[in-house]
Amino acid sequence: MPDESPPSAADNAPIALAAAPEPAVATTRKNKVRIIVSIDPDLLAALDSLARYKGLSRAGTISLACADLIDRGRRQCHG
């Protein structure tokens, strides 16, 4: 039986983002930018565990987490 509680993420784990070079062949997905991410191994394990729990891909989980972080930041800035 799978664990019913979502995994906890590591706090203050270092994350570095960089734009990856554009692929030589156009992809079928529109409006997406490929990036390279360096992430703490423990945070990555927690991310992968959460993705499995939610039935999402790693990339989908990262995208949703980023969207949520940005949304919360906007709400804090704009009341």
C-alpha atoms as a PDB file:
ATOM      1  CA  MET A   1       0.000   0.000   0.000  1.00  0.00           C
ATOM      2  CA  PRO A   2       1.505   3.400  -0.964  1.00  0.00           C
ATOM      3  CA  ASP A   3       2.288   5.982   1.683  1.00  0.00           C
ATOM      4  CA  GLU A   4      -0.707   8.334   1.974  1.00  0.00           C
ATOM      5  CA  SER A   5       1.245  11.415   3.044  1.00  0.00           C
ATOM      6  CA  PRO A   6       3.191  13.531   0.539  1.00  0.00           C
ATOM      7  CA  PRO A   7       6.954  13.648   1.060  1.00  0.00           C
ATOM      8  CA  SER A   8       8.601  16.620   2.680  1.00  0.00           C
ATOM      9  CA  ALA A   9      11.095  18.689   0.673  1.00  0.00           C
ATOM     10  CA  ALA A  10      14.545  19.589   1.952  1.00  0.00           C
ATOM     11  CA  ASP A  11      14.776  23.168   3.187  1.00  0.00           C
ATOM     12  CA  ASN A  12      17.311  25.636   1.813  1.00  0.00           C
ATOM     13  CA  ALA A  13      18.707  23.214  -0.774  1.00  0.00           C
ATOM     14  CA  PRO A  14      20.808  24.944  -3.430  1.00  0.00           C
ATOM     15  CA  ILE A  15      19.216  25.225  -6.852  1.00  0.00           C
ATOM     16  CA  ALA A  16      20.879  26.690  -9.944  1.00  0.00           C
ATOM     17  CA  LEU A  17      19.038  27.354 -13.191  1.00  0.00           C
ATOM     18  CA  ALA A  18      20.500  28.030 -16.599  1.00  0.00           C
ATOM     19  CA  ALA A  19      18.940  28.243 -20.029  1.00  0.00           C
ATOM     20  CA  ALA A  20      19.973  25.273 -22.130  1.00  0.00           C
ATOM     21  CA  PRO A  21      21.034  25.758 -25.723  1.00  0.00           C
ATOM     22  CA  GLU A  22      18.193  25.515 -28.192  1.00  0.00           C
ATOM     23  CA  PRO A  23      17.830  22.062 -29.736  1.00  0.00           C
ATOM     24  CA  ALA A  24      18.914  21.673 -33.366  1.00  0.00           C
ATOM     25  CA  VAL A  25      15.543  20.136 -34.244  1.00  0.00           C
ATOM     26  CA  ALA A  26      12.301  21.876 -33.343  1.00  0.00           C
ATOM     27  CA  THR A  27      10.241  20.054 -30.729  1.00  0.00           C
ATOM     28  CA  THR A  28       6.529  19.366 -31.028  1.00  0.00           C
ATOM     29  CA  ARG A  29       5.716  21.184 -27.788  1.00  0.00           C
ATOM     30  CA  LYS A  30       5.108  24.882 -28.178  1.00  0.00           C
ATOM     31  CA  ASN A  31       5.953  27.622 -25.700  1.00  0.00           C
ATOM     32  CA  LYS A  32       8.344  25.465 -23.676  1.00  0.00           C
ATOM     33  CA  VAL A  33      11.976  26.286 -22.932  1.00  0.00           C
ATOM     34  CA  ARG A  34      14.410  23.530 -22.012  1.00  0.00           C
ATOM     35  CA  ILE A  35      16.532  24.398 -18.967  1.00  0.00           C
ATOM     36  CA  ILE A  36      19.332  22.757 -17.036  1.00  0.00           C
ATOM     37  CA  VAL A  37      18.823  22.541 -13.267  1.00  0.00           C
ATOM     38  CA  SER A  38      21.391  21.674 -10.602  1.00  0.00           C
ATOM     39  CA  ILE A  39      19.621  20.520  -7.473  1.00  0.00           C
ATOM     40  CA  ASP A  40      20.545  18.991  -4.115  1.00  0.00           C
ATOM     41  CA  PRO A  41      20.245  15.176  -4.299  1.00  0.00           C
ATOM     42  CA  ASP A  42      17.956  15.002  -1.253  1.00  0.00           C
ATOM     43  CA  LEU A  43      15.634  17.628  -2.718  1.00  0.00           C
ATOM     44  CA  LEU A  44      15.594  15.749  -6.040  1.00  0.00           C
ATOM     45  CA  ALA A  45      14.656  12.524  -4.240  1.00  0.00           C
ATOM     46  CA  ALA A  46      11.810  14.333  -2.471  1.00  0.00           C
ATOM     47  CA  LEU A  47      10.706  15.872  -5.786  1.00  0.00           C
ATOM     48  CA  ASP A  48      10.681  12.483  -7.528  1.00  0.00           C
ATOM     49  CA  SER A  49       8.768  10.950  -4.632  1.00  0.00           C
ATOM     50  CA  LEU A  50       6.170  13.715  -4.785  1.00  0.00           C
ATOM     51  CA  ALA A  51       5.900  13.343  -8.583  1.00  0.00           C
ATOM     52  CA  ARG A  52       5.216   9.593  -8.195  1.00  0.00           C
ATOM     53  CA  TYR A  53       2.695  10.273  -5.418  1.00  0.00           C
ATOM     54  CA  LYS A  54       0.860  12.798  -7.603  1.00  0.00           C
ATOM     55  CA  GLY A  55       1.194  10.712 -10.790  1.00  0.00           C
ATOM     56  CA  LEU A  56       3.138  13.468 -12.548  1.00  0.00           C
ATOM     57  CA  SER A  57       6.406  13.679 -14.420  1.00  0.00           C
ATOM     58  CA  ARG A  58       9.418  15.321 -12.821  1.00  0.00           C
ATOM     59  CA  ALA A  59       9.169  18.223 -15.285  1.00  0.00           C
ATOM     60  CA  GLY A  60       5.444  18.603 -14.636  1.00  0.00           C
ATOM     61  CA  THR A  61       6.011  18.653 -10.892  1.00  0.00           C
ATOM     62  CA  ILE A  62       8.732  21.292 -11.231  1.00  0.00           C
ATOM     63  CA  SER A  63       6.500  23.408 -13.492  1.00  0.00           C
ATOM     64  CA  LEU A  64       3.592  23.231 -11.044  1.00  0.00           C
ATOM     65  CA  ALA A  65       5.861  24.055  -8.098  1.00  0.00           C
ATOM     66  CA  CYS A  66       7.285  27.068  -9.931  1.00  0.00           C
ATOM     67  CA  ALA A  67       3.815  28.284 -10.912  1.00  0.00           C
ATOM     68  CA  ASP A  68       2.645  27.922  -7.301  1.00  0.00           C
ATOM     69  CA  LEU A  69       5.689  29.788  -5.952  1.00  0.00           C
ATOM     70  CA  ILE A  70       5.193  32.621  -8.432  1.00  0.00           C
ATOM     71  CA  ASP A  71       1.466  32.820  -7.678  1.00  0.00           C
ATOM     72  CA  ARG A  72       2.104  33.000  -3.924  1.00  0.00           C
ATOM     73  CA  GLY A  73       4.776  35.651  -4.457  1.00  0.00           C
ATOM     74  CA  ARG A  74       2.417  37.764  -6.543  1.00  0.00           C
ATOM     75  CA  ARG A  75      -0.321  37.506  -3.947  1.00  0.00           C
ATOM     76  CA  GLN A  76       2.114  38.609  -1.222  1.00  0.00           C
ATOM     77  CA  CYS A  77       3.274  41.576  -3.301  1.00  0.00           C
ATOM     78  CA  HIS A  78      -0.199  42.666  -4.370  1.00  0.00           C
ATOM     79  CA  GLY A  79      -2.066  41.950  -1.172  1.00  0.00           C
END
